[in-house]
Amino acid sequence: EVQLVESGGGLVQAGGSLRLSCAASGGTFDDFAMCWFRQAPGEEREAFSFMSSSDASTYYADSVKGRFTISSERAKDTVYLRMNSLTPEDAAVYYCAVRQGIYHNINATPVIHTTRFYRHWGEGTQVTVSS
């Protein structure tokens, strides 16, 4: 059974940085589509950073572009999210989600924003940003 475990969340001051990790186990992750979602209280879960291992394509929402970077370490089946210049608006529960398989040229398509596209989800990690 595939499991995703997020880590790296916590409390940080505005302007600070965090690195989230999403470690996968229980499956083969040679090819995958991975997305980071976040959900603030009273808000919908939104996709804001995506990568496909098949073509190394990525997507960033405008709200995080230039501040967040998604990357992967194949040997550890782990995807990272480096978050810089955090603001209180970034406070949320952060989730990683994955769908195994080969995916080309989907980083600019609506499908990556749909929660149904992803087969496996982590439990989430809380990010709190103090002003």
C-alpha atoms as a PDB file:
ATOM      1  CA  GLU A   1       0.000   0.000   0.000  1.00  0.00           C
ATOM      2  CA  VAL A   2       1.333   3.387  -0.990  1.00  0.00           C
ATOM      3  CA  GLN A   3       1.899   5.796   1.843  1.00  0.00           C
ATOM      4  CA  LEU A   4       2.930   9.430   1.775  1.00  0.00           C
ATOM      5  CA  VAL A   5       4.325  11.121   4.848  1.00  0.00           C
ATOM      6  CA  GLU A   6       4.818  14.869   4.993  1.00  0.00           C
ATOM      7  CA  SER A   7       7.217  16.519   7.385  1.00  0.00           C
ATOM      8  CA  GLY A   8       8.922  19.848   7.906  1.00  0.00           C
ATOM      9  CA  GLY A   9       5.985  22.008   8.858  1.00  0.00           C
ATOM     10  CA  GLY A  10       5.989  24.237  11.892  1.00  0.00           C
ATOM     11  CA  LEU A  11       5.926  27.801  13.124  1.00  0.00           C
ATOM     12  CA  VAL A  12       8.029  30.391  11.340  1.00  0.00           C
ATOM     13  CA  GLN A  13       8.178  34.164  11.369  1.00  0.00           C
ATOM     14  CA  ALA A  14       7.112  36.139   8.351  1.00  0.00           C
ATOM     15  CA  GLY A  15       9.963  36.307   5.906  1.00  0.00           C
ATOM     16  CA  GLY A  16      11.328  32.979   7.058  1.00  0.00           C
ATOM     17  CA  SER A  17      11.746  29.687   5.248  1.00  0.00           C
ATOM     18  CA  LEU A  18      10.729  26.072   5.609  1.00  0.00           C
ATOM     19  CA  ARG A  19      11.390  22.929   3.637  1.00  0.00           C
ATOM     20  CA  LEU A  20       8.632  20.378   3.490  1.00  0.00           C
ATOM     21  CA  SER A  21       9.285  16.765   2.605  1.00  0.00           C
ATOM     22  CA  CYS A  22       6.937  14.164   1.211  1.00  0.00           C
ATOM     23  CA  ALA A  23       8.322  10.662   1.544  1.00  0.00           C
ATOM     24  CA  ALA A  24       6.665   7.894  -0.444  1.00  0.00           C
ATOM     25  CA  SER A  25       6.730   4.190   0.311  1.00  0.00           C
ATOM     26  CA  GLY A  26       4.946   0.999  -0.581  1.00  0.00           C
ATOM     27  CA  GLY A  27       5.104   1.375  -4.335  1.00  0.00           C
ATOM     28  CA  THR A  28       7.164   2.119  -7.396  1.00  0.00           C
ATOM     29  CA  PHE A  29       7.840   5.768  -8.076  1.00  0.00           C
ATOM     30  CA  ASP A  30       9.869   5.682 -11.252  1.00  0.00           C
ATOM     31  CA  ASP A  31       7.243   7.855 -12.901  1.00  0.00           C
ATOM     32  CA  PHE A  32       4.759  10.000 -11.094  1.00  0.00           C
ATOM     33  CA  ALA A  33       2.826  13.214 -10.933  1.00  0.00           C
ATOM     34  CA  MET A  34       3.146  14.912  -7.578  1.00  0.00           C
ATOM     35  CA  CYS A  35       1.316  17.938  -6.308  1.00  0.00           C
ATOM     36  CA  TRP A  36       1.410  20.037  -3.175  1.00  0.00           C
ATOM     37  CA  PHE A  37      -1.944  21.296  -1.972  1.00  0.00           C
ATOM     38  CA  ARG A  38      -2.726  23.527   0.942  1.00  0.00           C
ATOM     39  CA  GLN A  39      -5.869  24.266   2.851  1.00  0.00           C
ATOM     40  CA  ALA A  40      -6.441  27.176   5.173  1.00  0.00           C
ATOM     41  CA  PRO A  41      -9.366  27.212   7.634  1.00  0.00           C
ATOM     42  CA  GLY A  42     -12.622  27.843   5.831  1.00  0.00           C
ATOM     43  CA  GLU A  43     -10.974  27.609   2.437  1.00  0.00           C
ATOM     44  CA  GLU A  44     -10.927  24.992  -0.277  1.00  0.00           C
ATOM     45  CA  ARG A  45      -7.915  22.800  -0.779  1.00  0.00           C
ATOM     46  CA  GLU A  46      -5.855  24.340  -3.536  1.00  0.00           C
ATOM     47  CA  ALA A  47      -3.063  23.006  -5.697  1.00  0.00           C
ATOM     48  CA  PHE A  48      -0.149  25.373  -5.809  1.00  0.00           C
ATOM     49  CA  SER A  49       2.926  23.395  -6.839  1.00  0.00           C
ATOM     50  CA  PHE A  50       3.220  20.400  -9.162  1.00  0.00           C
ATOM     51  CA  MET A  51       5.831  18.315 -10.838  1.00  0.00           C
ATOM     52  CA  SER A  52       5.859  15.440 -13.269  1.00  0.00           C
ATOM     53  CA  SER A  53       8.840  13.137 -13.176  1.00  0.00           C
ATOM     54  CA  SER A  54       8.229  12.111 -16.797  1.00  0.00           C
ATOM     55  CA  ASP A  55       9.184  15.438 -18.334  1.00  0.00           C
ATOM     56  CA  ALA A  56      10.423  17.385 -15.308  1.00  0.00           C
ATOM     57  CA  SER A  57       7.652  19.900 -15.870  1.00  0.00           C
ATOM     58  CA  THR A  58       6.450  22.010 -12.982  1.00  0.00           C
ATOM     59  CA  TYR A  59       3.649  24.350 -12.093  1.00  0.00           C
ATOM     60  CA  TYR A  60       3.442  27.084  -9.514  1.00  0.00           C
ATOM     61  CA  ALA A  61       0.462  29.170  -8.590  1.00  0.00           C
ATOM     62  CA  ASP A  62       1.022  32.899  -8.938  1.00  0.00           C
ATOM     63  CA  SER A  63       0.769  33.234  -5.173  1.00  0.00           C
ATOM     64  CA  VAL A  64       3.947  31.194  -4.630  1.00  0.00           C
ATOM     65  CA  LYS A  65       5.856  31.672  -7.873  1.00  0.00           C
ATOM     66  CA  GLY A  66       9.385  32.872  -7.236  1.00  0.00           C
ATOM     67  CA  ARG A  67       9.215  31.937  -3.550  1.00  0.00           C
ATOM     68  CA  PHE A  68       8.557  28.181  -3.564  1.00  0.00           C
ATOM     69  CA  THR A  69      10.535  25.450  -5.317  1.00  0.00           C
ATOM     70  CA  ILE A  70       9.519  21.842  -5.812  1.00  0.00           C
ATOM     71  CA  SER A  71      12.175  19.177  -6.281  1.00  0.00           C
ATOM     72  CA  SER A  72      12.623  15.455  -5.954  1.00  0.00           C
ATOM     73  CA  GLU A  73      15.225  13.013  -4.775  1.00  0.00           C
ATOM     74  CA  ARG A  74      14.616   9.786  -6.618  1.00  0.00           C
ATOM     75  CA  ALA A  75      16.904   7.679  -4.468  1.00  0.00           C
ATOM     76  CA  LYS A  76      14.765   8.477  -1.438  1.00  0.00           C
ATOM     77  CA  ASP A  77      11.378   8.548  -3.186  1.00  0.00           C
ATOM     78  CA  THR A  78      10.958  11.960  -1.668  1.00  0.00           C
ATOM     79  CA  VAL A  79       9.645  15.230  -3.008  1.00  0.00           C
ATOM     80  CA  TYR A  80      10.582  18.495  -1.370  1.00  0.00           C
ATOM     81  CA  LEU A  81       9.038  21.927  -1.246  1.00  0.00           C
ATOM     82  CA  ARG A  82      11.334  24.771  -0.383  1.00  0.00           C
ATOM     83  CA  MET A  83       9.350  27.764   0.825  1.00  0.00           C
ATOM     84  CA  ASN A  84      11.008  31.151   1.157  1.00  0.00           C
ATOM     85  CA  SER A  85       9.724  34.585   2.116  1.00  0.00           C
ATOM     86  CA  LEU A  86       6.756  33.127   3.931  1.00  0.00           C
ATOM     87  CA  THR A  87       3.850  35.375   4.806  1.00  0.00           C
ATOM     88  CA  PRO A  88       0.859  34.862   7.110  1.00  0.00           C
ATOM     89  CA  GLU A  89      -1.191  34.183   3.977  1.00  0.00           C
ATOM     90  CA  ASP A  90       0.836  30.996   3.489  1.00  0.00           C
ATOM     91  CA  ALA A  91      -0.415  29.536   6.762  1.00  0.00           C
ATOM     92  CA  ALA A  92      -2.339  26.334   6.081  1.00  0.00           C
ATOM     93  CA  VAL A  93      -2.213  22.584   6.298  1.00  0.00           C
ATOM     94  CA  TYR A  94       0.002  21.371   3.480  1.00  0.00           C
ATOM     95  CA  TYR A  95      -0.659  18.067   1.726  1.00  0.00           C
ATOM     96  CA  CYS A  96       1.265  16.129  -0.855  1.00  0.00           C
ATOM     97  CA  ALA A  97      -0.564  13.966  -3.346  1.00  0.00           C
ATOM     98  CA  VAL A  98       0.700  11.574  -5.998  1.00  0.00           C
ATOM     99  CA  ARG A  99      -0.460   9.606  -8.969  1.00  0.00           C
ATOM    100  CA  GLN A 100       1.947   7.034 -10.335  1.00  0.00           C
ATOM    101  CA  GLY A 101       2.424   6.847 -14.065  1.00  0.00           C
ATOM    102  CA  ILE A 102       3.899   8.620 -17.067  1.00  0.00           C
ATOM    103  CA  TYR A 103       2.529  12.105 -17.640  1.00  0.00           C
ATOM    104  CA  HIS A 104       3.778  14.526 -20.259  1.00  0.00           C
ATOM    105  CA  ASN A 105       2.718  18.116 -20.788  1.00  0.00           C
ATOM    106  CA  ILE A 106       0.042  18.211 -18.121  1.00  0.00           C
ATOM    107  CA  ASN A 107       1.555  20.851 -15.876  1.00  0.00           C
ATOM    108  CA  ALA A 108      -0.482  23.563 -17.594  1.00  0.00           C
ATOM    109  CA  THR A 109      -3.737  21.629 -17.678  1.00  0.00           C
ATOM    110  CA  PRO A 110      -6.671  21.899 -15.284  1.00  0.00           C
ATOM    111  CA  VAL A 111      -6.447  18.244 -14.309  1.00  0.00           C
ATOM    112  CA  ILE A 112      -3.521  18.805 -11.965  1.00  0.00           C
ATOM    113  CA  HIS A 113      -5.704  21.032  -9.813  1.00  0.00           C
ATOM    114  CA  THR A 114      -8.340  18.375  -9.209  1.00  0.00           C
ATOM    115  CA  THR A 115      -8.058  16.327  -6.052  1.00  0.00           C
ATOM    116  CA  ARG A 116      -9.625  13.328  -7.830  1.00  0.00           C
ATOM    117  CA  PHE A 117      -6.624  13.035 -10.150  1.00  0.00           C
ATOM    118  CA  TYR A 118      -4.346  11.920  -7.326  1.00  0.00           C
ATOM    119  CA  ARG A 119      -4.535   8.401  -5.984  1.00  0.00           C
ATOM    120  CA  HIS A 120      -2.623   8.835  -2.769  1.00  0.00           C
ATOM    121  CA  TRP A 121      -2.470  11.552  -0.161  1.00  0.00           C
ATOM    122  CA  GLY A 122      -0.454  12.359   2.890  1.00  0.00           C
ATOM    123  CA  GLU A 123      -1.971  13.272   6.226  1.00  0.00           C
ATOM    124  CA  GLY A 124      -0.832  16.881   6.002  1.00  0.00           C
ATOM    125  CA  THR A 125       1.580  19.072   7.906  1.00  0.00           C
ATOM    126  CA  GLN A 126       0.713  22.382   9.519  1.00  0.00           C
ATOM    127  CA  VAL A 127       2.521  25.549   8.508  1.00  0.00           C
ATOM    128  CA  THR A 128       1.998  28.576  10.727  1.00  0.00           C
ATOM    129  CA  VAL A 129       3.489  31.971   9.910  1.00  0.00           C
ATOM    130  CA  SER A 130       3.589  34.675  12.548  1.00  0.00           C
ATOM    131  CA  SER A 131       3.537  38.324  11.564  1.00  0.00           C
END
